[in-house]
PDB file of N, CA and C in Angstrom:
ATOM      1  N   MET A   1      15.664  54.052  69.792  1.00  0.00           N
ATOM      2  CA  MET A   1      15.107  55.192  69.114  1.00  0.00           C
ATOM      3  C   MET A   1      13.586  55.042  69.050  1.00  0.00           C
ATOM      4  N   ALA A   2      12.877  56.089  69.407  1.00  0.00           N
ATOM      5  CA  ALA A   2      11.420  56.057  69.391  1.00  0.00           C
ATOM      6  C   ALA A   2      10.902  56.109  67.961  1.00  0.00           C
ATOM      7  N   CYS A   3       9.812  55.405  67.734  1.00  0.00           N
ATOM      8  CA  CYS A   3       9.139  55.405  66.443  1.00  0.00           C
ATOM      9  C   CYS A   3       7.715  55.880  66.651  1.00  0.00           C
ATOM     10  N   TYR A   4       7.172  56.535  65.669  1.00  0.00           N
ATOM     11  CA  TYR A   4       5.830  57.092  65.765  1.00  0.00           C
ATOM     12  C   TYR A   4       4.965  56.619  64.613  1.00  0.00           C
ATOM     13  N   VAL A   5       3.723  56.350  64.921  1.00  0.00           N
ATOM     14  CA  VAL A   5       2.699  56.143  63.905  1.00  0.00           C
ATOM     15  C   VAL A   5       1.898  57.423  63.888  1.00  0.00           C
ATOM     16  N   TYR A   6       1.595  57.911  62.704  1.00  0.00           N
ATOM     17  CA  TYR A   6       0.901  59.185  62.617  1.00  0.00           C
ATOM     18  C   TYR A   6      -0.233  59.121  61.603  1.00  0.00           C
ATOM     19  N   VAL A   7      -1.197  60.007  61.804  1.00  0.00           N
ATOM     20  CA  VAL A   7      -2.279  60.177  60.841  1.00  0.00           C
ATOM     21  C   VAL A   7      -2.263  61.643  60.431  1.00  0.00           C
ATOM     22  N   LEU A   8      -2.181  61.859  59.135  1.00  0.00           N
ATOM     23  CA  LEU A   8      -2.256  63.200  58.586  1.00  0.00           C
ATOM     24  C   LEU A   8      -3.660  63.409  58.037  1.00  0.00           C
ATOM     25  N   GLY A   9      -4.118  64.637  58.092  1.00  0.00           N
ATOM     26  CA  GLY A   9      -5.416  64.961  57.534  1.00  0.00           C
ATOM     27  C   GLY A   9      -5.308  66.153  56.614  1.00  0.00           C
ATOM     28  N   SER A  10      -6.148  66.152  55.582  1.00  0.00           N
ATOM     29  CA  SER A  10      -6.175  67.255  54.632  1.00  0.00           C
ATOM     30  C   SER A  10      -7.585  67.389  54.094  1.00  0.00           C
ATOM     31  N   GLU A  11      -8.055  68.635  54.018  1.00  0.00           N
ATOM     32  CA  GLU A  11      -9.354  68.883  53.416  1.00  0.00           C
ATOM     33  C   GLU A  11      -9.155  69.799  52.220  1.00  0.00           C
ATOM     34  N   GLN A  12      -9.690  69.376  51.094  1.00  0.00           N
ATOM     35  CA  GLN A  12      -9.550  70.144  49.862  1.00  0.00           C
ATOM     36  C   GLN A  12     -10.858  70.035  49.095  1.00  0.00           C
ATOM     37  N   SER A  13     -11.446  71.152  48.750  1.00  0.00           N
ATOM     38  CA  SER A  13     -12.730  71.193  48.039  1.00  0.00           C
ATOM     39  C   SER A  13     -13.812  70.419  48.790  1.00  0.00           C
ATOM     40  N   GLY A  14     -13.777  70.504  50.110  1.00  0.00           N
ATOM     41  CA  GLY A  14     -14.785  69.840  50.936  1.00  0.00           C
ATOM     42  C   GLY A  14     -14.603  68.346  51.104  1.00  0.00           C
ATOM     43  N   VAL A  15     -13.502  67.810  50.604  1.00  0.00           N
ATOM     44  CA  VAL A  15     -13.235  66.371  50.697  1.00  0.00           C
ATOM     45  C   VAL A  15     -12.111  66.131  51.702  1.00  0.00           C
ATOM     46  N   TRP A  16     -12.402  65.341  52.734  1.00  0.00           N
ATOM     47  CA  TRP A  16     -11.431  64.987  53.772  1.00  0.00           C
ATOM     48  C   TRP A  16     -10.653  63.755  53.337  1.00  0.00           C
ATOM     49  N   ARG A  17      -9.339  63.826  53.462  1.00  0.00           N
ATOM     50  CA  ARG A  17      -8.475  62.684  53.199  1.00  0.00           C
ATOM     51  C   ARG A  17      -7.559  62.483  54.389  1.00  0.00           C
ATOM     52  N   SER A  18      -7.189  61.241  54.611  1.00  0.00           N
ATOM     53  CA  SER A  18      -6.234  60.952  55.669  1.00  0.00           C
ATOM     54  C   SER A  18      -5.136  60.059  55.104  1.00  0.00           C
ATOM     55  N   TYR A  19      -4.008  60.095  55.789  1.00  0.00           N
ATOM     56  CA  TYR A  19      -2.858  59.288  55.408  1.00  0.00           C
ATOM     57  C   TYR A  19      -2.223  58.761  56.680  1.00  0.00           C
ATOM     58  N   VAL A  20      -1.883  57.488  56.695  1.00  0.00           N
ATOM     59  CA  VAL A  20      -1.257  56.859  57.862  1.00  0.00           C
ATOM     60  C   VAL A  20       0.156  56.440  57.496  1.00  0.00           C
ATOM     61  N   GLY A  21       1.107  56.715  58.385  1.00  0.00           N
ATOM     62  CA  GLY A  21       2.487  56.310  58.155  1.00  0.00           C
ATOM     63  C   GLY A  21       3.217  56.146  59.478  1.00  0.00           C
ATOM     64  N   TRP A  22       4.496  55.842  59.385  1.00  0.00           N
ATOM     65  CA  TRP A  22       5.324  55.745  60.591  1.00  0.00           C
ATOM     66  C   TRP A  22       6.653  56.444  60.305  1.00  0.00           C
ATOM     67  N   THR A  23       7.298  56.914  61.367  1.00  0.00           N
ATOM     68  CA  THR A  23       8.542  57.647  61.236  1.00  0.00           C
ATOM     69  C   THR A  23       9.282  57.682  62.565  1.00  0.00           C
ATOM     70  N   THR A  24      10.504  58.174  62.531  1.00  0.00           N
ATOM     71  CA  THR A  24      11.248  58.416  63.769  1.00  0.00           C
ATOM     72  C   THR A  24      11.301  59.914  64.082  1.00  0.00           C
ATOM     73  N   ASP A  25      10.832  60.749  63.147  1.00  0.00           N
ATOM     74  CA  ASP A  25      10.856  62.200  63.328  1.00  0.00           C
ATOM     75  C   ASP A  25       9.575  62.803  62.737  1.00  0.00           C
ATOM     76  N   LEU A  26       8.608  63.087  63.585  1.00  0.00           N
ATOM     77  CA  LEU A  26       7.303  63.578  63.129  1.00  0.00           C
ATOM     78  C   LEU A  26       7.390  64.912  62.383  1.00  0.00           C
ATOM     79  N   GLU A  27       8.118  65.863  62.932  1.00  0.00           N
ATOM     80  CA  GLU A  27       8.191  67.189  62.305  1.00  0.00           C
ATOM     81  C   GLU A  27       8.818  67.122  60.912  1.00  0.00           C
ATOM     82  N   GLN A  28       9.904  66.393  60.799  1.00  0.00           N
ATOM     83  CA  GLN A  28      10.581  66.266  59.514  1.00  0.00           C
ATOM     84  C   GLN A  28       9.681  65.548  58.503  1.00  0.00           C
ATOM     85  N   ARG A  29       8.992  64.524  58.957  1.00  0.00           N
ATOM     86  CA  ARG A  29       8.140  63.753  58.035  1.00  0.00           C
ATOM     87  C   ARG A  29       6.974  64.594  57.529  1.00  0.00           C
ATOM     88  N   LEU A  30       6.339  65.359  58.411  1.00  0.00           N
ATOM     89  CA  LEU A  30       5.247  66.233  57.996  1.00  0.00           C
ATOM     90  C   LEU A  30       5.760  67.263  56.986  1.00  0.00           C
ATOM     91  N   ALA A  31       6.929  67.825  57.248  1.00  0.00           N
ATOM     92  CA  ALA A  31       7.516  68.804  56.326  1.00  0.00           C
ATOM     93  C   ALA A  31       7.760  68.181  54.958  1.00  0.00           C
ATOM     94  N   ARG A  32       8.215  66.951  54.921  1.00  0.00           N
ATOM     95  CA  ARG A  32       8.464  66.272  53.641  1.00  0.00           C
ATOM     96  C   ARG A  32       7.164  66.039  52.884  1.00  0.00           C
ATOM     97  N   HIS A  33       6.106  65.626  53.597  1.00  0.00           N
ATOM     98  CA  HIS A  33       4.810  65.437  52.938  1.00  0.00           C
ATOM     99  C   HIS A  33       4.325  66.748  52.339  1.00  0.00           C
ATOM    100  N   ASN A  34       4.424  67.825  53.091  1.00  0.00           N
ATOM    101  CA  ASN A  34       3.935  69.120  52.621  1.00  0.00           C
ATOM    102  C   ASN A  34       4.824  69.728  51.534  1.00  0.00           C
ATOM    103  N   ALA A  35       6.073  69.292  51.455  1.00  0.00           N
ATOM    104  CA  ALA A  35       6.977  69.766  50.415  1.00  0.00           C
ATOM    105  C   ALA A  35       6.829  68.969  49.120  1.00  0.00           C
ATOM    106  N   GLY A  36       6.027  67.913  49.168  1.00  0.00           N
ATOM    107  CA  GLY A  36       5.834  67.083  47.977  1.00  0.00           C
ATOM    108  C   GLY A  36       6.867  65.998  47.801  1.00  0.00           C
ATOM    109  N   THR A  37       7.683  65.758  48.840  1.00  0.00           N
ATOM    110  CA  THR A  37       8.715  64.726  48.748  1.00  0.00           C
ATOM    111  C   THR A  37       8.401  63.520  49.624  1.00  0.00           C
ATOM    112  N   GLY A  38       7.186  63.485  50.155  1.00  0.00           N
ATOM    113  CA  GLY A  38       6.754  62.338  50.956  1.00  0.00           C
ATOM    114  C   GLY A  38       6.168  61.275  50.036  1.00  0.00           C
ATOM    115  N   ALA A  39       5.232  60.533  50.540  1.00  0.00           N
ATOM    116  CA  ALA A  39       4.578  59.494  49.750  1.00  0.00           C
ATOM    117  C   ALA A  39       3.881  60.104  48.535  1.00  0.00           C
ATOM    118  N   LYS A  40       3.867  59.383  47.437  1.00  0.00           N
ATOM    119  CA  LYS A  40       3.267  59.882  46.203  1.00  0.00           C
ATOM    120  C   LYS A  40       1.803  60.267  46.405  1.00  0.00           C
ATOM    121  N   SER A  41       1.081  59.516  47.202  1.00  0.00           N
ATOM    122  CA  SER A  41      -0.350  59.775  47.406  1.00  0.00           C
ATOM    123  C   SER A  41      -0.620  61.035  48.221  1.00  0.00           C
ATOM    124  N   THR A  42       0.404  61.634  48.819  1.00  0.00           N
ATOM    125  CA  THR A  42       0.193  62.845  49.626  1.00  0.00           C
ATOM    126  C   THR A  42       0.563  64.120  48.882  1.00  0.00           C
ATOM    127  N   ARG A  43       1.052  64.004  47.672  1.00  0.00           N
ATOM    128  CA  ARG A  43       1.505  65.178  46.926  1.00  0.00           C
ATOM    129  C   ARG A  43       0.331  66.046  46.485  1.00  0.00           C
ATOM    130  N   GLY A  44       0.569  67.357  46.490  1.00  0.00           N
ATOM    131  CA  GLY A  44      -0.438  68.284  46.010  1.00  0.00           C
ATOM    132  C   GLY A  44      -1.467  68.708  47.040  1.00  0.00           C
ATOM    133  N   ARG A  45      -1.252  68.360  48.294  1.00  0.00           N
ATOM    134  CA  ARG A  45      -2.166  68.726  49.374  1.00  0.00           C
ATOM    135  C   ARG A  45      -1.373  69.336  50.512  1.00  0.00           C
ATOM    136  N   VAL A  46      -2.087  70.088  51.347  1.00  0.00           N
ATOM    137  CA  VAL A  46      -1.491  70.605  52.576  1.00  0.00           C
ATOM    138  C   VAL A  46      -1.984  69.707  53.702  1.00  0.00           C
ATOM    139  N   TRP A  47      -1.062  69.112  54.417  1.00  0.00           N
ATOM    140  CA  TRP A  47      -1.386  68.133  55.453  1.00  0.00           C
ATOM    141  C   TRP A  47      -1.153  68.700  56.844  1.00  0.00           C
ATOM    142  N   ALA A  48      -1.951  68.221  57.786  1.00  0.00           N
ATOM    143  CA  ALA A  48      -1.790  68.565  59.201  1.00  0.00           C
ATOM    144  C   ALA A  48      -1.734  67.264  59.993  1.00  0.00           C
ATOM    145  N   LEU A  49      -0.919  67.245  61.021  1.00  0.00           N
ATOM    146  CA  LEU A  49      -0.853  66.088  61.908  1.00  0.00           C
ATOM    147  C   LEU A  49      -2.101  66.087  62.779  1.00  0.00           C
ATOM    148  N   VAL A  50      -2.899  65.025  62.693  1.00  0.00           N
ATOM    149  CA  VAL A  50      -4.135  64.956  63.480  1.00  0.00           C
ATOM    150  C   VAL A  50      -4.077  63.897  64.579  1.00  0.00           C
ATOM    151  N   TYR A  51      -3.079  62.988  64.513  1.00  0.00           N
ATOM    152  CA  TYR A  51      -2.991  61.928  65.516  1.00  0.00           C
ATOM    153  C   TYR A  51      -1.600  61.315  65.460  1.00  0.00           C
ATOM    154  N   ALA A  52      -1.061  60.933  66.616  1.00  0.00           N
ATOM    155  CA  ALA A  52       0.234  60.248  66.664  1.00  0.00           C
ATOM    156  C   ALA A  52       0.309  59.361  67.897  1.00  0.00           C
ATOM    157  N   GLU A  53       1.030  58.271  67.771  1.00  0.00           N
ATOM    158  CA  GLU A  53       1.314  57.354  68.881  1.00  0.00           C
ATOM    159  C   GLU A  53       2.806  57.062  68.870  1.00  0.00           C
ATOM    160  N   ARG A  54       3.385  56.900  70.053  1.00  0.00           N
ATOM    161  CA  ARG A  54       4.822  56.620  70.180  1.00  0.00           C
ATOM    162  C   ARG A  54       5.027  55.144  70.541  1.00  0.00           C
ATOM    163  N   PHE A  55       6.054  54.547  69.937  1.00  0.00           N
ATOM    164  CA  PHE A  55       6.403  53.149  70.210  1.00  0.00           C
ATOM    165  C   PHE A  55       7.901  53.032  70.436  1.00  0.00           C
ATOM    166  N   LYS A  56       8.295  51.988  71.136  1.00  0.00           N
ATOM    167  CA  LYS A  56       9.709  51.777  71.437  1.00  0.00           C
ATOM    168  C   LYS A  56      10.457  51.149  70.273  1.00  0.00           C
ATOM    169  N   THR A  57       9.747  50.348  69.460  1.00  0.00           N
ATOM    170  CA  THR A  57      10.431  49.655  68.367  1.00  0.00           C
ATOM    171  C   THR A  57       9.753  49.913  67.030  1.00  0.00           C
ATOM    172  N   ARG A  58      10.542  49.732  65.994  1.00  0.00           N
ATOM    173  CA  ARG A  58      10.032  49.892  64.638  1.00  0.00           C
ATOM    174  C   ARG A  58       8.938  48.871  64.343  1.00  0.00           C
ATOM    175  N   SER A  59       9.125  47.647  64.778  1.00  0.00           N
ATOM    176  CA  SER A  59       8.133  46.615  64.478  1.00  0.00           C
ATOM    177  C   SER A  59       6.788  46.906  65.150  1.00  0.00           C
ATOM    178  N   GLU A  60       6.804  47.454  66.354  1.00  0.00           N
ATOM    179  CA  GLU A  60       5.543  47.829  67.011  1.00  0.00           C
ATOM    180  C   GLU A  60       4.843  48.934  66.222  1.00  0.00           C
ATOM    181  N   ALA A  61       5.617  49.912  65.788  1.00  0.00           N
ATOM    182  CA  ALA A  61       5.048  51.020  65.022  1.00  0.00           C
ATOM    183  C   ALA A  61       4.490  50.530  63.693  1.00  0.00           C
ATOM    184  N   MET A  62       5.209  49.674  63.025  1.00  0.00           N
ATOM    185  CA  MET A  62       4.748  49.171  61.733  1.00  0.00           C
ATOM    186  C   MET A  62       3.492  48.313  61.874  1.00  0.00           C
ATOM    187  N   SER A  63       3.409  47.565  62.952  1.00  0.00           N
ATOM    188  CA  SER A  63       2.216  46.763  63.202  1.00  0.00           C
ATOM    189  C   SER A  63       1.000  47.658  63.442  1.00  0.00           C
ATOM    190  N   ARG A  64       1.184  48.694  64.243  1.00  0.00           N
ATOM    191  CA  ARG A  64       0.083  49.628  64.526  1.00  0.00           C
ATOM    192  C   ARG A  64      -0.317  50.371  63.258  1.00  0.00           C
ATOM    193  N   GLU A  65       0.668  50.752  62.441  1.00  0.00           N
ATOM    194  CA  GLU A  65       0.378  51.417  61.168  1.00  0.00           C
ATOM    195  C   GLU A  65      -0.520  50.525  60.307  1.00  0.00           C
ATOM    196  N   TRP A  66      -0.205  49.264  60.222  1.00  0.00           N
ATOM    197  CA  TRP A  66      -0.973  48.314  59.430  1.00  0.00           C
ATOM    198  C   TRP A  66      -2.432  48.302  59.889  1.00  0.00           C
ATOM    199  N   HIS A  67      -2.632  48.285  61.215  1.00  0.00           N
ATOM    200  CA  HIS A  67      -3.995  48.261  61.744  1.00  0.00           C
ATOM    201  C   HIS A  67      -4.733  49.576  61.485  1.00  0.00           C
ATOM    202  N   LEU A  68      -4.060  50.697  61.674  1.00  0.00           N
ATOM    203  CA  LEU A  68      -4.719  51.992  61.456  1.00  0.00           C
ATOM    204  C   LEU A  68      -5.067  52.209  59.985  1.00  0.00           C
ATOM    205  N   LYS A  69      -4.253  51.710  59.079  1.00  0.00           N
ATOM    206  CA  LYS A  69      -4.551  51.866  57.657  1.00  0.00           C
ATOM    207  C   LYS A  69      -5.860  51.166  57.305  1.00  0.00           C
ATOM    208  N   ARG A  70      -6.224  50.158  58.042  1.00  0.00           N
ATOM    209  CA  ARG A  70      -7.438  49.404  57.764  1.00  0.00           C
ATOM    210  C   ARG A  70      -8.636  49.861  58.601  1.00  0.00           C
ATOM    211  N   ASP A  71      -8.397  50.735  59.549  1.00  0.00           N
ATOM    212  CA  ASP A  71      -9.471  51.214  60.427  1.00  0.00           C
ATOM    213  C   ASP A  71     -10.059  52.517  59.883  1.00  0.00           C
ATOM    214  N   ARG A  72     -10.876  52.400  58.858  1.00  0.00           N
ATOM    215  CA  ARG A  72     -11.454  53.581  58.203  1.00  0.00           C
ATOM    216  C   ARG A  72     -12.363  54.361  59.136  1.00  0.00           C
ATOM    217  N   ALA A  73     -13.070  53.679  60.026  1.00  0.00           N
ATOM    218  CA  ALA A  73     -13.975  54.368  60.964  1.00  0.00           C
ATOM    219  C   ALA A  73     -13.183  55.304  61.873  1.00  0.00           C
ATOM    220  N   PHE A  74     -12.040  54.846  62.370  1.00  0.00           N
ATOM    221  CA  PHE A  74     -11.192  55.674  63.224  1.00  0.00           C
ATOM    222  C   PHE A  74     -10.692  56.894  62.463  1.00  0.00           C
ATOM    223  N   ARG A  75     -10.207  56.674  61.243  1.00  0.00           N
ATOM    224  CA  ARG A  75      -9.685  57.770  60.433  1.00  0.00           C
ATOM    225  C   ARG A  75     -10.780  58.759  60.066  1.00  0.00           C
ATOM    226  N   LYS A  76     -11.957  58.257  59.776  1.00  0.00           N
ATOM    227  CA  LYS A  76     -13.077  59.150  59.443  1.00  0.00           C
ATOM    228  C   LYS A  76     -13.467  59.991  60.657  1.00  0.00           C
ATOM    229  N   ALA A  77     -13.437  59.390  61.838  1.00  0.00           N
ATOM    230  CA  ALA A  77     -13.784  60.121  63.080  1.00  0.00           C
ATOM    231  C   ALA A  77     -12.784  61.255  63.336  1.00  0.00           C
ATOM    232  N   LEU A  78     -11.530  61.053  62.969  1.00  0.00           N
ATOM    233  CA  LEU A  78     -10.537  62.111  63.152  1.00  0.00           C
ATOM    234  C   LEU A  78     -10.866  63.336  62.305  1.00  0.00           C
ATOM    235  N   GLY A  79     -11.476  63.119  61.166  1.00  0.00           N
ATOM    236  CA  GLY A  79     -11.812  64.208  60.268  1.00  0.00           C
ATOM    237  C   GLY A  79     -13.218  64.744  60.455  1.00  0.00           C
ATOM    238  N   ALA A  80     -13.948  64.208  61.425  1.00  0.00           N
ATOM    239  CA  ALA A  80     -15.342  64.615  61.620  1.00  0.00           C
ATOM    240  C   ALA A  80     -15.486  66.066  62.028  1.00  0.00           C
ATOM    241  N   GLY A  81     -14.465  66.637  62.637  1.00  0.00           N
ATOM    242  CA  GLY A  81     -14.542  68.018  63.067  1.00  0.00           C
ATOM    243  C   GLY A  81     -14.249  69.025  61.965  1.00  0.00           C
ATOM    244  N   THR A  82     -13.930  68.531  60.779  1.00  0.00           N
ATOM    245  CA  THR A  82     -13.633  69.428  59.665  1.00  0.00           C
ATOM    246  C   THR A  82     -14.819  69.503  58.722  1.00  0.00           C
ATOM    247  N   GLY A  83     -14.725  70.390  57.776  1.00  0.00           N
ATOM    248  CA  GLY A  83     -15.756  70.479  56.741  1.00  0.00           C
ATOM    249  C   GLY A  83     -16.760  71.550  57.031  1.00  0.00           C
ATOM    250  N   PRO A  84     -17.699  71.729  56.076  1.00  0.00           N
ATOM    251  CA  PRO A  84     -18.686  72.810  56.198  1.00  0.00           C
ATOM    252  C   PRO A  84     -19.680  72.597  57.296  1.00  0.00           C
TER     253      PRO A  84
END
C-alpha cells in the first residue's frame, strides 16, 4: 500500500501556516483536516494540499515526515506565493 507525506497550507488574516503529515489516502485526509476531525493543530482553518510525496512503505513516509517537519525553510518556500 502506498503511503504519502503531505504538506498542507493555510492563510488566515495574512498569516501563512503549514502542517506536515503522512497518510495512505490524501483526499480523505485533507477532508478530515478541513472537517475539524484531523490533527488538533489544524482545526479552525481551511487547508489546501500544497505538496506531496509517495513512498512504498510506512517507515519511509514517516522518516520523510520527520525531516519535513524540521525543514522550516522548505515549508516557508511553499507558502511564498501566498499573501498580500
